[in-house]
N, C-alpha and C. Protein backbone atom coordinates (compact mmCIF):
# COMPACT_ATOMS: atom_id res chain seq x y z
N UNK A 1 -20.21 8.97 -2.36
CA UNK A 1 -20.23 7.53 -2.31
C UNK A 1 -20.82 6.96 -3.60
N UNK A 2 -21.82 7.61 -4.18
CA UNK A 2 -22.40 7.11 -5.42
C UNK A 2 -21.38 7.09 -6.54
N UNK A 3 -20.50 8.12 -6.59
CA UNK A 3 -19.43 8.15 -7.59
C UNK A 3 -18.54 6.92 -7.42
N UNK A 4 -18.20 6.57 -6.21
CA UNK A 4 -17.34 5.42 -5.96
C UNK A 4 -18.05 4.12 -6.33
N UNK A 5 -19.33 4.03 -6.08
CA UNK A 5 -20.07 2.83 -6.44
C UNK A 5 -20.11 2.64 -7.95
N UNK A 6 -20.23 3.75 -8.70
CA UNK A 6 -20.22 3.66 -10.15
C UNK A 6 -18.90 3.09 -10.63
N UNK A 7 -17.82 3.37 -9.91
CA UNK A 7 -16.51 2.85 -10.28
C UNK A 7 -16.30 1.42 -9.80
N UNK A 8 -17.29 0.84 -9.15
CA UNK A 8 -17.16 -0.51 -8.67
C UNK A 8 -16.52 -0.61 -7.31
N UNK A 9 -16.34 0.52 -6.64
CA UNK A 9 -15.72 0.53 -5.32
C UNK A 9 -16.79 0.67 -4.27
N UNK A 10 -17.02 -0.38 -3.55
CA UNK A 10 -17.99 -0.34 -2.46
C UNK A 10 -17.25 -0.66 -1.17
N UNK A 11 -17.16 0.30 -0.29
CA UNK A 11 -16.48 0.11 0.98
C UNK A 11 -17.50 0.32 2.09
N UNK A 12 -17.83 -0.73 2.82
CA UNK A 12 -18.81 -0.59 3.90
C UNK A 12 -18.35 0.45 4.92
N UNK A 13 -19.27 1.22 5.38
CA UNK A 13 -19.11 2.23 6.44
C UNK A 13 -17.97 3.22 6.20
N UNK A 14 -17.56 3.42 4.95
CA UNK A 14 -16.52 4.40 4.67
C UNK A 14 -17.18 5.78 4.63
N UNK A 15 -16.69 6.68 5.47
CA UNK A 15 -17.31 7.99 5.57
C UNK A 15 -16.54 9.06 4.80
N UNK A 16 -15.48 8.69 4.11
CA UNK A 16 -14.70 9.63 3.32
C UNK A 16 -14.37 8.95 1.99
N UNK A 17 -14.59 9.63 0.86
CA UNK A 17 -14.27 9.02 -0.43
C UNK A 17 -12.77 8.74 -0.56
N UNK A 18 -12.44 7.65 -1.22
CA UNK A 18 -11.05 7.31 -1.51
C UNK A 18 -10.51 8.30 -2.52
N UNK A 19 -9.19 8.50 -2.48
CA UNK A 19 -8.49 9.30 -3.48
C UNK A 19 -7.36 8.49 -4.06
N UNK A 20 -7.01 8.82 -5.28
CA UNK A 20 -5.86 8.19 -5.91
C UNK A 20 -4.63 8.51 -5.07
N UNK A 21 -3.85 7.48 -4.77
CA UNK A 21 -2.64 7.66 -3.97
C UNK A 21 -2.83 7.39 -2.49
N UNK A 22 -4.08 7.19 -2.05
CA UNK A 22 -4.29 6.84 -0.65
C UNK A 22 -3.55 5.55 -0.34
N UNK A 23 -3.02 5.46 0.85
CA UNK A 23 -2.32 4.26 1.30
C UNK A 23 -3.23 3.54 2.28
N UNK A 24 -3.44 2.25 2.03
CA UNK A 24 -4.25 1.43 2.93
C UNK A 24 -3.31 0.62 3.81
N UNK A 25 -3.66 0.56 5.08
CA UNK A 25 -2.88 -0.19 6.06
C UNK A 25 -3.82 -1.12 6.80
N UNK A 26 -3.47 -2.39 6.85
CA UNK A 26 -4.29 -3.32 7.60
C UNK A 26 -3.55 -3.76 8.84
N UNK A 27 -4.31 -4.20 9.79
CA UNK A 27 -3.78 -4.57 11.10
C UNK A 27 -3.31 -6.02 11.15
N UNK A 28 -3.05 -6.61 10.01
CA UNK A 28 -2.60 -8.01 9.99
C UNK A 28 -1.47 -8.19 11.00
N UNK A 29 -1.55 -9.26 11.76
CA UNK A 29 -0.53 -9.54 12.76
C UNK A 29 -0.07 -10.98 12.63
N UNK A 30 1.00 -11.31 13.31
CA UNK A 30 1.49 -12.69 13.28
C UNK A 30 0.37 -13.64 13.63
N UNK A 31 0.20 -14.64 12.83
CA UNK A 31 -0.84 -15.63 13.07
C UNK A 31 -2.16 -15.31 12.39
N UNK A 32 -2.26 -14.11 11.79
CA UNK A 32 -3.51 -13.78 11.09
C UNK A 32 -3.39 -14.19 9.64
N UNK A 33 -4.11 -13.50 8.78
CA UNK A 33 -4.16 -13.91 7.38
C UNK A 33 -2.88 -13.63 6.60
N UNK A 34 -1.92 -12.91 7.15
CA UNK A 34 -0.73 -12.62 6.36
C UNK A 34 0.57 -13.14 6.93
N UNK A 35 0.61 -13.47 8.18
CA UNK A 35 1.81 -13.94 8.85
C UNK A 35 2.86 -12.85 9.04
N UNK A 36 2.54 -11.61 8.76
CA UNK A 36 3.46 -10.51 9.02
C UNK A 36 2.73 -9.47 9.84
N UNK A 37 3.44 -8.49 10.30
CA UNK A 37 2.82 -7.45 11.10
C UNK A 37 2.46 -6.27 10.20
N UNK A 38 1.20 -6.15 9.87
CA UNK A 38 0.70 -5.07 9.05
C UNK A 38 0.88 -5.33 7.56
N UNK A 39 0.12 -4.59 6.77
CA UNK A 39 0.19 -4.69 5.32
C UNK A 39 -0.21 -3.35 4.73
N UNK A 40 0.48 -2.93 3.66
CA UNK A 40 0.17 -1.67 3.00
C UNK A 40 -0.05 -1.87 1.51
N UNK A 41 -0.87 -1.01 0.93
CA UNK A 41 -1.12 -0.97 -0.50
C UNK A 41 -1.47 0.45 -0.88
N UNK A 42 -1.50 0.74 -2.17
CA UNK A 42 -1.80 2.09 -2.64
C UNK A 42 -2.97 2.04 -3.63
N UNK A 43 -3.86 3.01 -3.53
CA UNK A 43 -5.05 3.09 -4.38
C UNK A 43 -4.66 3.74 -5.71
N UNK A 44 -5.01 3.08 -6.83
CA UNK A 44 -4.65 3.61 -8.14
C UNK A 44 -5.82 4.39 -8.76
N UNK A 45 -5.64 4.79 -10.02
CA UNK A 45 -6.63 5.65 -10.68
C UNK A 45 -7.94 4.93 -10.98
N UNK A 46 -7.96 3.61 -10.92
CA UNK A 46 -9.19 2.83 -11.08
C UNK A 46 -9.80 2.47 -9.74
N UNK A 47 -9.29 3.08 -8.68
CA UNK A 47 -9.73 2.82 -7.31
C UNK A 47 -9.58 1.35 -6.94
N UNK A 48 -8.49 0.76 -7.46
CA UNK A 48 -8.10 -0.58 -7.08
C UNK A 48 -6.84 -0.47 -6.23
N UNK A 49 -6.51 -1.52 -5.50
CA UNK A 49 -5.38 -1.49 -4.59
C UNK A 49 -4.21 -2.24 -5.22
N UNK A 50 -3.08 -1.54 -5.37
CA UNK A 50 -1.86 -2.11 -5.89
C UNK A 50 -1.00 -2.47 -4.68
N UNK A 51 -0.57 -3.73 -4.61
CA UNK A 51 0.23 -4.13 -3.45
C UNK A 51 1.05 -5.37 -3.78
N UNK A 52 1.99 -5.67 -2.88
CA UNK A 52 2.83 -6.86 -2.98
C UNK A 52 2.43 -7.75 -1.82
N UNK A 53 2.12 -9.01 -2.14
CA UNK A 53 1.59 -9.89 -1.10
C UNK A 53 2.09 -11.32 -1.27
N UNK A 54 2.21 -12.00 -0.17
CA UNK A 54 2.72 -13.36 -0.17
C UNK A 54 1.81 -14.36 -0.88
N UNK A 55 0.50 -14.32 -0.68
CA UNK A 55 -0.30 -15.33 -1.38
C UNK A 55 -0.11 -15.32 -2.90
N UNK A 56 0.20 -14.16 -3.46
CA UNK A 56 0.43 -14.04 -4.90
C UNK A 56 1.91 -14.31 -5.21
N UNK A 57 2.77 -14.15 -4.19
CA UNK A 57 4.22 -14.23 -4.31
C UNK A 57 4.74 -13.16 -5.26
N UNK A 58 4.19 -11.96 -5.15
CA UNK A 58 4.63 -10.84 -5.96
C UNK A 58 3.62 -9.72 -5.92
N UNK A 59 3.64 -8.90 -6.97
CA UNK A 59 2.76 -7.76 -7.04
C UNK A 59 1.42 -8.11 -7.66
N UNK A 60 0.39 -7.37 -7.24
CA UNK A 60 -0.95 -7.63 -7.77
C UNK A 60 -1.80 -6.36 -7.65
N UNK A 61 -2.93 -6.37 -8.33
CA UNK A 61 -3.92 -5.30 -8.24
C UNK A 61 -5.24 -5.97 -7.92
N UNK A 62 -5.89 -5.51 -6.85
CA UNK A 62 -7.17 -6.06 -6.42
C UNK A 62 -8.24 -4.98 -6.42
N UNK A 63 -9.47 -5.36 -6.80
CA UNK A 63 -10.57 -4.44 -6.52
C UNK A 63 -10.80 -4.50 -5.01
N UNK A 64 -11.62 -3.63 -4.49
CA UNK A 64 -11.75 -3.54 -3.04
C UNK A 64 -12.29 -4.83 -2.44
N UNK A 65 -13.20 -5.50 -3.12
CA UNK A 65 -13.73 -6.76 -2.60
C UNK A 65 -12.63 -7.80 -2.51
N UNK A 66 -11.82 -7.90 -3.55
CA UNK A 66 -10.71 -8.84 -3.55
C UNK A 66 -9.69 -8.52 -2.48
N UNK A 67 -9.41 -7.22 -2.32
CA UNK A 67 -8.45 -6.79 -1.30
C UNK A 67 -8.94 -7.16 0.09
N UNK A 68 -10.22 -6.87 0.34
CA UNK A 68 -10.77 -7.20 1.66
C UNK A 68 -10.80 -8.71 1.89
N UNK A 69 -10.98 -9.49 0.84
CA UNK A 69 -11.03 -10.95 1.01
C UNK A 69 -9.68 -11.52 1.42
N UNK A 70 -8.62 -10.76 1.21
CA UNK A 70 -7.28 -11.20 1.63
C UNK A 70 -7.06 -10.96 3.13
N UNK A 71 -8.02 -10.33 3.76
CA UNK A 71 -7.92 -10.02 5.18
C UNK A 71 -8.93 -10.87 5.95
N UNK A 72 -8.60 -11.14 7.18
CA UNK A 72 -9.55 -11.85 8.02
C UNK A 72 -10.77 -10.98 8.29
N UNK A 73 -11.93 -11.59 8.35
CA UNK A 73 -13.16 -10.85 8.63
C UNK A 73 -12.98 -10.11 9.95
N UNK A 74 -13.29 -8.83 9.93
CA UNK A 74 -13.17 -8.02 11.13
C UNK A 74 -11.85 -7.29 11.27
N UNK A 75 -10.88 -7.58 10.39
CA UNK A 75 -9.61 -6.84 10.46
C UNK A 75 -9.85 -5.39 10.07
N UNK A 76 -9.16 -4.49 10.74
CA UNK A 76 -9.28 -3.07 10.48
C UNK A 76 -8.36 -2.66 9.34
N UNK A 77 -8.89 -1.89 8.41
CA UNK A 77 -8.10 -1.33 7.32
C UNK A 77 -8.19 0.19 7.45
N UNK A 78 -7.04 0.83 7.62
CA UNK A 78 -6.98 2.28 7.80
C UNK A 78 -6.54 2.95 6.50
N UNK A 79 -7.05 4.15 6.30
CA UNK A 79 -6.75 4.92 5.09
C UNK A 79 -5.87 6.11 5.50
N UNK A 80 -4.72 6.23 4.83
CA UNK A 80 -3.80 7.35 5.04
C UNK A 80 -3.66 8.10 3.73
N UNK A 81 -3.69 9.42 3.80
CA UNK A 81 -3.67 10.25 2.60
C UNK A 81 -2.36 11.03 2.52
N UNK A 82 -1.74 11.05 1.35
CA UNK A 82 -0.54 11.86 1.17
C UNK A 82 -0.86 13.35 1.31
N UNK A 83 0.08 14.09 1.87
CA UNK A 83 -0.11 15.53 2.05
C UNK A 83 0.22 16.28 0.76
N UNK A 84 -0.14 17.53 0.71
CA UNK A 84 0.20 18.44 -0.37
C UNK A 84 -0.22 17.95 -1.76
N UNK A 85 -1.32 17.21 -1.83
CA UNK A 85 -1.84 16.77 -3.12
C UNK A 85 -1.03 15.67 -3.79
N UNK A 86 -0.07 15.11 -3.07
CA UNK A 86 0.74 14.03 -3.65
C UNK A 86 -0.09 12.74 -3.73
N UNK A 87 0.44 11.79 -4.43
CA UNK A 87 -0.15 10.46 -4.48
C UNK A 87 -0.46 9.97 -5.88
N UNK A 88 -0.87 10.85 -6.76
CA UNK A 88 -1.27 10.44 -8.11
C UNK A 88 -0.09 9.82 -8.86
N UNK A 89 1.06 10.47 -8.80
CA UNK A 89 2.23 9.95 -9.50
C UNK A 89 2.75 8.67 -8.85
N UNK A 90 2.64 8.58 -7.54
CA UNK A 90 3.03 7.36 -6.83
C UNK A 90 2.13 6.21 -7.26
N UNK A 91 0.83 6.48 -7.38
CA UNK A 91 -0.12 5.44 -7.81
C UNK A 91 0.17 5.01 -9.24
N UNK A 92 0.51 5.96 -10.10
CA UNK A 92 0.86 5.61 -11.49
C UNK A 92 2.08 4.71 -11.52
N UNK A 93 3.10 5.07 -10.73
CA UNK A 93 4.32 4.26 -10.70
C UNK A 93 4.00 2.85 -10.22
N UNK A 94 3.22 2.73 -9.16
CA UNK A 94 2.86 1.42 -8.62
C UNK A 94 2.10 0.60 -9.65
N UNK A 95 1.15 1.22 -10.33
CA UNK A 95 0.33 0.52 -11.33
C UNK A 95 1.19 0.02 -12.48
N UNK A 96 2.17 0.79 -12.87
CA UNK A 96 3.03 0.38 -13.97
C UNK A 96 4.04 -0.69 -13.54
N UNK A 97 4.50 -0.67 -12.30
CA UNK A 97 5.62 -1.51 -11.88
C UNK A 97 5.28 -2.74 -11.06
N UNK A 98 4.06 -2.90 -10.59
CA UNK A 98 3.74 -4.05 -9.74
C UNK A 98 4.04 -5.38 -10.43
N UNK A 99 3.86 -5.43 -11.74
CA UNK A 99 4.04 -6.69 -12.49
C UNK A 99 5.50 -7.13 -12.53
N UNK A 100 6.42 -6.22 -12.21
CA UNK A 100 7.84 -6.59 -12.19
C UNK A 100 8.25 -7.22 -10.86
N UNK A 101 7.35 -7.20 -9.90
CA UNK A 101 7.61 -7.86 -8.63
C UNK A 101 7.13 -9.30 -8.78
N UNK A 102 8.06 -10.20 -8.95
CA UNK A 102 7.71 -11.59 -9.19
C UNK A 102 7.98 -12.49 -7.99
N UNK A 103 8.53 -11.90 -6.94
CA UNK A 103 8.82 -12.69 -5.74
C UNK A 103 8.61 -11.83 -4.50
N UNK A 104 7.83 -12.36 -3.57
CA UNK A 104 7.63 -11.70 -2.27
C UNK A 104 8.68 -12.23 -1.31
N UNK A 105 9.47 -11.31 -0.77
CA UNK A 105 10.46 -11.69 0.23
C UNK A 105 10.88 -10.45 1.01
N UNK A 106 10.92 -10.57 2.31
CA UNK A 106 11.40 -9.48 3.16
C UNK A 106 12.88 -9.72 3.39
N UNK A 107 13.70 -8.98 2.68
CA UNK A 107 15.14 -9.19 2.68
C UNK A 107 15.84 -7.87 3.03
N UNK A 108 16.44 -7.76 4.23
CA UNK A 108 17.05 -6.49 4.64
C UNK A 108 18.34 -6.14 3.92
N UNK A 109 18.97 -7.09 3.23
CA UNK A 109 20.25 -6.83 2.59
C UNK A 109 20.13 -6.44 1.13
N UNK A 110 18.91 -6.42 0.62
CA UNK A 110 18.66 -6.02 -0.77
C UNK A 110 18.45 -4.50 -0.80
N UNK A 111 18.99 -3.86 -1.81
CA UNK A 111 18.83 -2.40 -1.93
C UNK A 111 17.36 -2.02 -2.03
N UNK A 112 17.05 -0.83 -1.55
CA UNK A 112 15.67 -0.35 -1.60
C UNK A 112 15.18 -0.17 -3.04
N UNK A 113 16.10 -0.12 -3.99
CA UNK A 113 15.72 0.03 -5.40
C UNK A 113 15.27 -1.28 -6.03
N UNK A 114 15.55 -2.41 -5.40
CA UNK A 114 15.26 -3.71 -5.98
C UNK A 114 13.75 -3.94 -6.07
N UNK A 115 13.26 -4.20 -7.28
CA UNK A 115 11.84 -4.46 -7.46
C UNK A 115 11.46 -5.89 -7.10
N UNK A 116 12.35 -6.84 -7.36
CA UNK A 116 12.04 -8.21 -7.03
C UNK A 116 13.32 -8.91 -6.57
N UNK A 117 13.31 -9.44 -5.34
CA UNK A 117 12.17 -9.62 -4.45
C UNK A 117 11.75 -8.29 -3.81
N UNK A 118 10.52 -8.27 -3.29
CA UNK A 118 9.96 -7.07 -2.70
C UNK A 118 8.91 -7.45 -1.68
N UNK A 119 8.41 -6.46 -0.96
CA UNK A 119 7.32 -6.65 0.01
C UNK A 119 6.51 -5.36 0.08
N UNK A 120 5.38 -5.43 0.72
CA UNK A 120 4.36 -4.38 0.63
C UNK A 120 4.86 -2.98 0.97
N UNK A 121 5.46 -2.81 2.12
CA UNK A 121 5.82 -1.46 2.56
C UNK A 121 7.00 -0.89 1.79
N UNK A 122 7.93 -1.73 1.38
CA UNK A 122 9.03 -1.24 0.54
C UNK A 122 8.49 -0.80 -0.81
N UNK A 123 7.53 -1.54 -1.35
CA UNK A 123 6.92 -1.19 -2.63
C UNK A 123 6.21 0.16 -2.55
N UNK A 124 5.49 0.41 -1.47
CA UNK A 124 4.82 1.72 -1.30
C UNK A 124 5.86 2.82 -1.20
N UNK A 125 6.95 2.58 -0.45
CA UNK A 125 8.03 3.57 -0.37
C UNK A 125 8.58 3.85 -1.77
N UNK A 126 8.84 2.79 -2.55
CA UNK A 126 9.35 2.95 -3.91
C UNK A 126 8.40 3.78 -4.77
N UNK A 127 7.11 3.54 -4.63
CA UNK A 127 6.12 4.28 -5.42
C UNK A 127 6.24 5.78 -5.17
N UNK A 128 6.41 6.17 -3.92
CA UNK A 128 6.55 7.59 -3.61
C UNK A 128 7.93 8.12 -4.00
N UNK A 129 8.95 7.32 -3.84
CA UNK A 129 10.29 7.77 -4.19
C UNK A 129 10.40 8.01 -5.70
N UNK A 130 9.99 7.02 -6.48
CA UNK A 130 10.12 7.13 -7.93
C UNK A 130 8.97 7.91 -8.58
N UNK A 131 7.77 7.84 -8.02
CA UNK A 131 6.63 8.54 -8.59
C UNK A 131 6.54 10.00 -8.19
N UNK A 132 6.81 10.27 -6.92
CA UNK A 132 6.66 11.64 -6.41
C UNK A 132 8.01 12.32 -6.15
N UNK A 133 9.09 11.54 -6.16
CA UNK A 133 10.41 12.12 -5.94
C UNK A 133 10.71 12.43 -4.48
N UNK A 134 10.05 11.72 -3.55
CA UNK A 134 10.30 11.98 -2.13
C UNK A 134 10.58 10.68 -1.38
N UNK A 135 11.35 10.82 -0.31
CA UNK A 135 11.47 9.74 0.66
C UNK A 135 10.25 9.88 1.55
N UNK A 136 9.29 9.02 1.38
CA UNK A 136 8.03 9.09 2.13
C UNK A 136 8.27 9.21 3.63
N UNK A 137 9.30 8.54 4.11
CA UNK A 137 9.58 8.53 5.54
C UNK A 137 10.34 9.77 6.01
N UNK A 138 10.88 10.53 5.06
CA UNK A 138 11.65 11.74 5.36
C UNK A 138 12.84 11.44 6.27
N UNK A 139 13.51 10.31 5.97
CA UNK A 139 14.66 9.88 6.77
C UNK A 139 15.96 9.86 5.97
N UNK A 140 15.93 10.41 4.78
CA UNK A 140 17.12 10.40 3.95
C UNK A 140 17.37 9.07 3.25
N UNK A 141 16.34 8.25 3.13
CA UNK A 141 16.48 6.98 2.42
C UNK A 141 16.70 7.24 0.93
N UNK A 142 17.56 6.44 0.35
CA UNK A 142 17.80 6.47 -1.09
C UNK A 142 17.73 5.05 -1.61
N UNK A 143 17.58 4.88 -2.92
CA UNK A 143 17.48 3.53 -3.49
C UNK A 143 18.70 2.65 -3.24
N UNK A 144 19.87 3.24 -3.03
CA UNK A 144 21.08 2.45 -2.82
C UNK A 144 21.22 1.92 -1.39
N UNK A 145 20.42 2.43 -0.46
CA UNK A 145 20.49 1.96 0.92
C UNK A 145 19.82 0.62 1.07
N UNK A 146 20.19 -0.09 2.11
CA UNK A 146 19.60 -1.39 2.43
C UNK A 146 18.91 -1.27 3.78
N UNK A 147 18.00 -2.19 4.06
CA UNK A 147 17.31 -2.19 5.35
C UNK A 147 15.81 -2.30 5.17
N UNK A 148 15.14 -2.44 6.29
CA UNK A 148 13.69 -2.63 6.29
C UNK A 148 12.94 -1.31 6.18
N UNK A 149 11.79 -1.38 5.54
CA UNK A 149 10.77 -0.34 5.63
C UNK A 149 9.51 -1.08 6.05
N UNK A 150 9.11 -0.88 7.27
CA UNK A 150 7.97 -1.63 7.80
C UNK A 150 6.66 -0.90 7.54
N UNK A 151 5.55 -1.64 7.58
CA UNK A 151 4.25 -0.98 7.43
C UNK A 151 4.04 0.13 8.46
N UNK A 152 4.49 -0.08 9.69
CA UNK A 152 4.30 0.97 10.71
C UNK A 152 5.13 2.20 10.39
N UNK A 153 6.30 2.03 9.76
CA UNK A 153 7.09 3.19 9.34
C UNK A 153 6.33 3.99 8.29
N UNK A 154 5.69 3.28 7.36
CA UNK A 154 4.94 3.96 6.30
C UNK A 154 3.80 4.78 6.90
N UNK A 155 2.99 4.17 7.75
CA UNK A 155 1.82 4.91 8.26
C UNK A 155 2.19 6.01 9.23
N UNK A 156 3.39 5.96 9.78
CA UNK A 156 3.85 7.04 10.66
C UNK A 156 4.67 8.07 9.91
N UNK A 157 4.73 7.96 8.59
CA UNK A 157 5.49 8.89 7.78
C UNK A 157 4.91 10.30 7.88
N UNK A 158 5.77 11.31 7.93
CA UNK A 158 5.28 12.69 8.03
C UNK A 158 4.56 13.17 6.78
N UNK A 159 4.67 12.41 5.69
CA UNK A 159 4.03 12.80 4.43
C UNK A 159 2.65 12.18 4.24
N UNK A 160 2.14 11.47 5.26
CA UNK A 160 0.81 10.87 5.22
C UNK A 160 0.02 11.31 6.44
N UNK A 161 -1.29 11.44 6.26
CA UNK A 161 -2.17 11.73 7.40
C UNK A 161 -3.29 10.70 7.43
N UNK A 162 -3.66 10.33 8.63
CA UNK A 162 -4.75 9.38 8.82
C UNK A 162 -6.07 10.03 8.41
N UNK A 163 -6.92 9.28 7.67
CA UNK A 163 -8.19 9.81 7.20
C UNK A 163 -9.37 9.10 7.84
N UNK A 164 -9.39 7.78 7.76
CA UNK A 164 -10.53 7.00 8.27
C UNK A 164 -10.13 5.53 8.33
N UNK A 165 -11.07 4.70 8.73
CA UNK A 165 -10.84 3.26 8.73
C UNK A 165 -12.14 2.53 8.48
N UNK A 166 -12.02 1.27 8.06
CA UNK A 166 -13.18 0.42 7.88
C UNK A 166 -12.78 -1.00 8.23
N UNK A 167 -13.75 -1.89 8.29
CA UNK A 167 -13.52 -3.26 8.71
C UNK A 167 -13.72 -4.20 7.53
N UNK A 168 -12.77 -5.13 7.37
CA UNK A 168 -12.91 -6.11 6.29
C UNK A 168 -14.15 -6.95 6.56
N UNK A 169 -14.92 -7.19 5.50
CA UNK A 169 -16.16 -7.93 5.62
C UNK A 169 -15.99 -9.38 5.23
């Protein structure tokens, strides 16, 4: 935990250190702080969260305090870890490409390869597809396909395992 504090990452009651490539999932629901069901982001090499969000209307990078401030007090944020040491390349891809997402929109008819418009869970899928070379969901998805990738699909992906959770302060 001291190593994480030196990096400026302070997560209350976190009992497991964050790793590059960890996927964060929040329990945002209709009527809460996001107006959608769930939200995902990926931890980069600076232990900041790269994600696509409506208040920004595109991609952004938040330190943990900023990320938590986007959530309602008391919302649960769960940490999922990629298996087999994956995640670093996905985080690099996300860090490099978030700035190309200039519009937040959940659009089922846009190809999965489209960077803008985009939304949180599709962006995380793209990070693993282009960064790690895998379909995170292991469903045969390719960039040319169209359709939704929901936050719940991401956290139930066979390539991620649940690690811990904490509460937004």
